[in-house]
Amino acid sequence: MFKWKPDHLAAAPLMEKAAECYRAASDLQSAKQLFVEASESHEACNAFAGSALALVKGTLCFEIRNTIQILDFCFITFDTL
């Protein structure tokens, strides 16, 4: 009867807000995952600047001394997009 389609326009900011809450609570793994999902939602709406900004926020969830992990996250994330 009805075809359901995900509402990426409403979901992306909510995912980013949830990721910020996880980051404030020091649950960095969940925050990184939500930033990636927010980036994918932004991309589905053709909001590429928002997508890139969400990925940048995801990289901020790493500690500075873990440069190798940051680069791995960036390469893996950009390969999947």
N, C-alpha and C. Protein backbone atom coordinates (compact mmCIF):
# COMPACT_ATOMS: atom_id res chain seq x y z
N MET A 1 0.81 -1.18 0.00
CA MET A 1 0.00 0.00 0.00
C MET A 1 0.87 1.25 0.00
N PHE A 2 1.65 1.43 1.06
CA PHE A 2 2.55 2.58 1.12
C PHE A 2 3.98 2.10 0.99
N LYS A 3 4.78 2.85 0.28
CA LYS A 3 6.20 2.52 0.20
C LYS A 3 6.94 3.37 1.23
N TRP A 4 7.65 2.68 2.09
CA TRP A 4 8.39 3.37 3.13
C TRP A 4 9.77 3.73 2.62
N LYS A 5 10.16 4.98 2.85
CA LYS A 5 11.50 5.43 2.50
C LYS A 5 12.09 6.11 3.72
N PRO A 6 13.35 5.86 4.02
CA PRO A 6 13.96 6.49 5.18
C PRO A 6 14.03 8.01 5.03
N ASP A 7 13.82 8.71 6.12
CA ASP A 7 13.85 10.17 6.13
C ASP A 7 15.26 10.62 6.52
N HIS A 8 16.15 10.66 5.56
CA HIS A 8 17.54 11.02 5.84
C HIS A 8 17.68 12.48 6.25
N LEU A 9 16.81 13.32 5.74
CA LEU A 9 16.89 14.74 6.05
C LEU A 9 16.67 15.00 7.54
N ALA A 10 15.76 14.28 8.15
CA ALA A 10 15.51 14.44 9.59
C ALA A 10 16.47 13.61 10.43
N ALA A 11 16.94 12.50 9.89
CA ALA A 11 17.77 11.58 10.67
C ALA A 11 19.19 12.08 10.88
N ALA A 12 19.76 12.73 9.88
CA ALA A 12 21.17 13.13 9.96
C ALA A 12 21.46 14.05 11.15
N PRO A 13 20.71 15.13 11.36
CA PRO A 13 21.02 15.98 12.52
C PRO A 13 20.79 15.28 13.85
N LEU A 14 19.79 14.39 13.89
CA LEU A 14 19.55 13.66 15.13
C LEU A 14 20.68 12.69 15.44
N MET A 15 21.24 12.06 14.40
CA MET A 15 22.38 11.17 14.61
C MET A 15 23.60 11.96 15.08
N GLU A 16 23.79 13.14 14.50
CA GLU A 16 24.92 13.96 14.94
C GLU A 16 24.76 14.39 16.39
N LYS A 17 23.55 14.74 16.78
CA LYS A 17 23.30 15.14 18.17
C LYS A 17 23.55 13.98 19.12
N ALA A 18 23.10 12.79 18.73
CA ALA A 18 23.33 11.59 19.55
C ALA A 18 24.82 11.28 19.64
N ALA A 19 25.54 11.46 18.53
CA ALA A 19 26.98 11.22 18.54
C ALA A 19 27.69 12.20 19.46
N GLU A 20 27.25 13.45 19.46
CA GLU A 20 27.84 14.44 20.38
C GLU A 20 27.59 14.04 21.83
N CYS A 21 26.42 13.50 22.12
CA CYS A 21 26.12 13.05 23.48
C CYS A 21 27.00 11.87 23.87
N TYR A 22 27.19 10.93 22.94
CA TYR A 22 28.09 9.80 23.22
C TYR A 22 29.52 10.29 23.43
N ARG A 23 29.94 11.26 22.63
CA ARG A 23 31.30 11.78 22.79
C ARG A 23 31.46 12.47 24.14
N ALA A 24 30.43 13.20 24.58
CA ALA A 24 30.49 13.85 25.89
C ALA A 24 30.51 12.83 27.02
N ALA A 25 29.90 11.67 26.79
CA ALA A 25 29.88 10.61 27.79
C ALA A 25 31.10 9.70 27.69
N SER A 26 32.03 10.02 26.81
CA SER A 26 33.29 9.28 26.61
C SER A 26 33.07 7.89 26.02
N ASP A 27 31.97 7.68 25.31
CA ASP A 27 31.76 6.44 24.57
C ASP A 27 32.14 6.72 23.12
N LEU A 28 33.44 6.77 22.87
CA LEU A 28 33.94 7.23 21.59
C LEU A 28 33.64 6.27 20.45
N GLN A 29 33.59 4.98 20.72
CA GLN A 29 33.31 4.01 19.66
C GLN A 29 31.91 4.22 19.09
N SER A 30 30.93 4.40 19.97
CA SER A 30 29.56 4.65 19.52
C SER A 30 29.46 6.00 18.81
N ALA A 31 30.19 6.98 19.30
CA ALA A 31 30.18 8.31 18.68
C ALA A 31 30.73 8.24 17.26
N LYS A 32 31.83 7.51 17.07
CA LYS A 32 32.40 7.38 15.72
C LYS A 32 31.42 6.72 14.77
N GLN A 33 30.77 5.66 15.25
CA GLN A 33 29.80 4.95 14.40
C GLN A 33 28.63 5.85 14.01
N LEU A 34 28.14 6.62 14.94
CA LEU A 34 27.01 7.51 14.65
C LEU A 34 27.42 8.64 13.71
N PHE A 35 28.65 9.14 13.84
CA PHE A 35 29.10 10.17 12.91
C PHE A 35 29.19 9.61 11.48
N VAL A 36 29.61 8.36 11.35
CA VAL A 36 29.67 7.74 10.02
C VAL A 36 28.25 7.58 9.46
N GLU A 37 27.32 7.13 10.30
CA GLU A 37 25.94 6.99 9.84
C GLU A 37 25.32 8.34 9.48
N ALA A 38 25.64 9.38 10.26
CA ALA A 38 25.15 10.72 9.93
C ALA A 38 25.72 11.18 8.61
N SER A 39 26.98 10.86 8.37
CA SER A 39 27.61 11.22 7.10
C SER A 39 26.91 10.53 5.93
N GLU A 40 26.56 9.27 6.10
CA GLU A 40 25.85 8.54 5.05
C GLU A 40 24.46 9.13 4.80
N SER A 41 23.80 9.58 5.86
CA SER A 41 22.49 10.20 5.70
C SER A 41 22.59 11.54 4.99
N HIS A 42 23.61 12.31 5.34
CA HIS A 42 23.83 13.58 4.64
C HIS A 42 24.09 13.33 3.16
N GLU A 43 24.86 12.30 2.87
CA GLU A 43 25.18 12.00 1.48
C GLU A 43 23.94 11.57 0.71
N ALA A 44 23.03 10.85 1.38
CA ALA A 44 21.79 10.44 0.72
C ALA A 44 20.92 11.64 0.36
N CYS A 45 21.10 12.74 1.09
CA CYS A 45 20.35 13.98 0.81
C CYS A 45 21.12 14.91 -0.12
N ASN A 46 22.25 14.45 -0.64
CA ASN A 46 23.13 15.26 -1.48
C ASN A 46 23.67 16.48 -0.75
N ALA A 47 23.84 16.36 0.56
CA ALA A 47 24.45 17.42 1.36
C ALA A 47 25.89 16.99 1.65
N PHE A 48 26.74 17.17 0.66
CA PHE A 48 28.11 16.66 0.76
C PHE A 48 28.96 17.42 1.77
N ALA A 49 28.69 18.70 1.97
CA ALA A 49 29.42 19.45 2.98
C ALA A 49 29.09 18.93 4.37
N GLY A 50 27.82 18.63 4.62
CA GLY A 50 27.43 18.06 5.90
C GLY A 50 28.01 16.68 6.11
N SER A 51 28.11 15.93 5.02
CA SER A 51 28.71 14.61 5.09
C SER A 51 30.18 14.69 5.49
N ALA A 52 30.90 15.60 4.86
CA ALA A 52 32.32 15.77 5.18
C ALA A 52 32.50 16.27 6.61
N LEU A 53 31.64 17.18 7.04
CA LEU A 53 31.74 17.72 8.39
C LEU A 53 31.49 16.63 9.44
N ALA A 54 30.55 15.75 9.18
CA ALA A 54 30.29 14.65 10.11
C ALA A 54 31.50 13.72 10.21
N LEU A 55 32.16 13.48 9.08
CA LEU A 55 33.37 12.64 9.11
C LEU A 55 34.50 13.32 9.86
N VAL A 56 34.62 14.63 9.70
CA VAL A 56 35.65 15.36 10.44
C VAL A 56 35.38 15.27 11.94
N LYS A 57 34.13 15.41 12.33
CA LYS A 57 33.78 15.27 13.75
C LYS A 57 34.07 13.86 14.24
N GLY A 58 33.89 12.87 13.36
CA GLY A 58 34.22 11.49 13.74
C GLY A 58 35.70 11.30 14.00
N THR A 59 36.53 11.98 13.23
CA THR A 59 37.98 11.86 13.47
C THR A 59 38.40 12.54 14.76
N LEU A 60 37.61 13.48 15.24
CA LEU A 60 37.94 14.14 16.51
C LEU A 60 37.71 13.24 17.71
N CYS A 61 37.08 12.10 17.50
CA CYS A 61 36.84 11.16 18.59
C CYS A 61 38.08 10.32 18.91
N PHE A 62 39.11 10.45 18.11
CA PHE A 62 40.35 9.73 18.35
C PHE A 62 41.29 10.59 19.19
N GLU A 63 42.16 9.95 19.91
CA GLU A 63 43.20 10.68 20.62
C GLU A 63 44.28 11.08 19.62
N ILE A 64 44.91 12.19 19.86
CA ILE A 64 45.90 12.73 18.92
C ILE A 64 47.07 11.75 18.74
N ARG A 65 47.44 11.04 19.77
CA ARG A 65 48.60 10.15 19.66
C ARG A 65 48.32 8.92 18.80
N ASN A 66 47.07 8.66 18.48
CA ASN A 66 46.70 7.51 17.66
C ASN A 66 46.56 7.91 16.20
N THR A 67 47.60 8.47 15.64
CA THR A 67 47.56 8.97 14.27
C THR A 67 47.29 7.86 13.28
N ILE A 68 47.84 6.69 13.51
CA ILE A 68 47.64 5.56 12.61
C ILE A 68 46.16 5.18 12.57
N GLN A 69 45.50 5.15 13.73
CA GLN A 69 44.08 4.82 13.77
C GLN A 69 43.25 5.88 13.06
N ILE A 70 43.63 7.14 13.20
CA ILE A 70 42.91 8.22 12.53
C ILE A 70 43.00 8.05 11.02
N LEU A 71 44.18 7.77 10.52
CA LEU A 71 44.36 7.59 9.08
C LEU A 71 43.61 6.36 8.58
N ASP A 72 43.64 5.27 9.34
CA ASP A 72 42.89 4.07 8.96
C ASP A 72 41.40 4.36 8.89
N PHE A 73 40.88 5.11 9.88
CA PHE A 73 39.47 5.47 9.89
C PHE A 73 39.11 6.30 8.66
N CYS A 74 39.96 7.25 8.32
CA CYS A 74 39.69 8.11 7.16
C CYS A 74 39.70 7.30 5.87
N PHE A 75 40.71 6.45 5.69
CA PHE A 75 40.80 5.67 4.46
C PHE A 75 39.65 4.67 4.33
N ILE A 76 39.32 3.99 5.42
CA ILE A 76 38.23 3.01 5.36
C ILE A 76 36.90 3.71 5.10
N THR A 77 36.68 4.83 5.79
CA THR A 77 35.42 5.55 5.62
C THR A 77 35.27 6.11 4.21
N PHE A 78 36.31 6.70 3.68
CA PHE A 78 36.21 7.29 2.35
C PHE A 78 36.13 6.23 1.25
N ASP A 79 36.68 5.03 1.52
CA ASP A 79 36.57 3.95 0.54
C ASP A 79 35.14 3.41 0.47
N THR A 80 34.42 3.43 1.61
CA THR A 80 33.07 2.91 1.62
C THR A 80 32.05 3.90 1.06
N LEU A 81 32.40 5.18 1.01
CA LEU A 81 31.44 6.18 0.51
C LEU A 81 31.41 6.22 -0.96
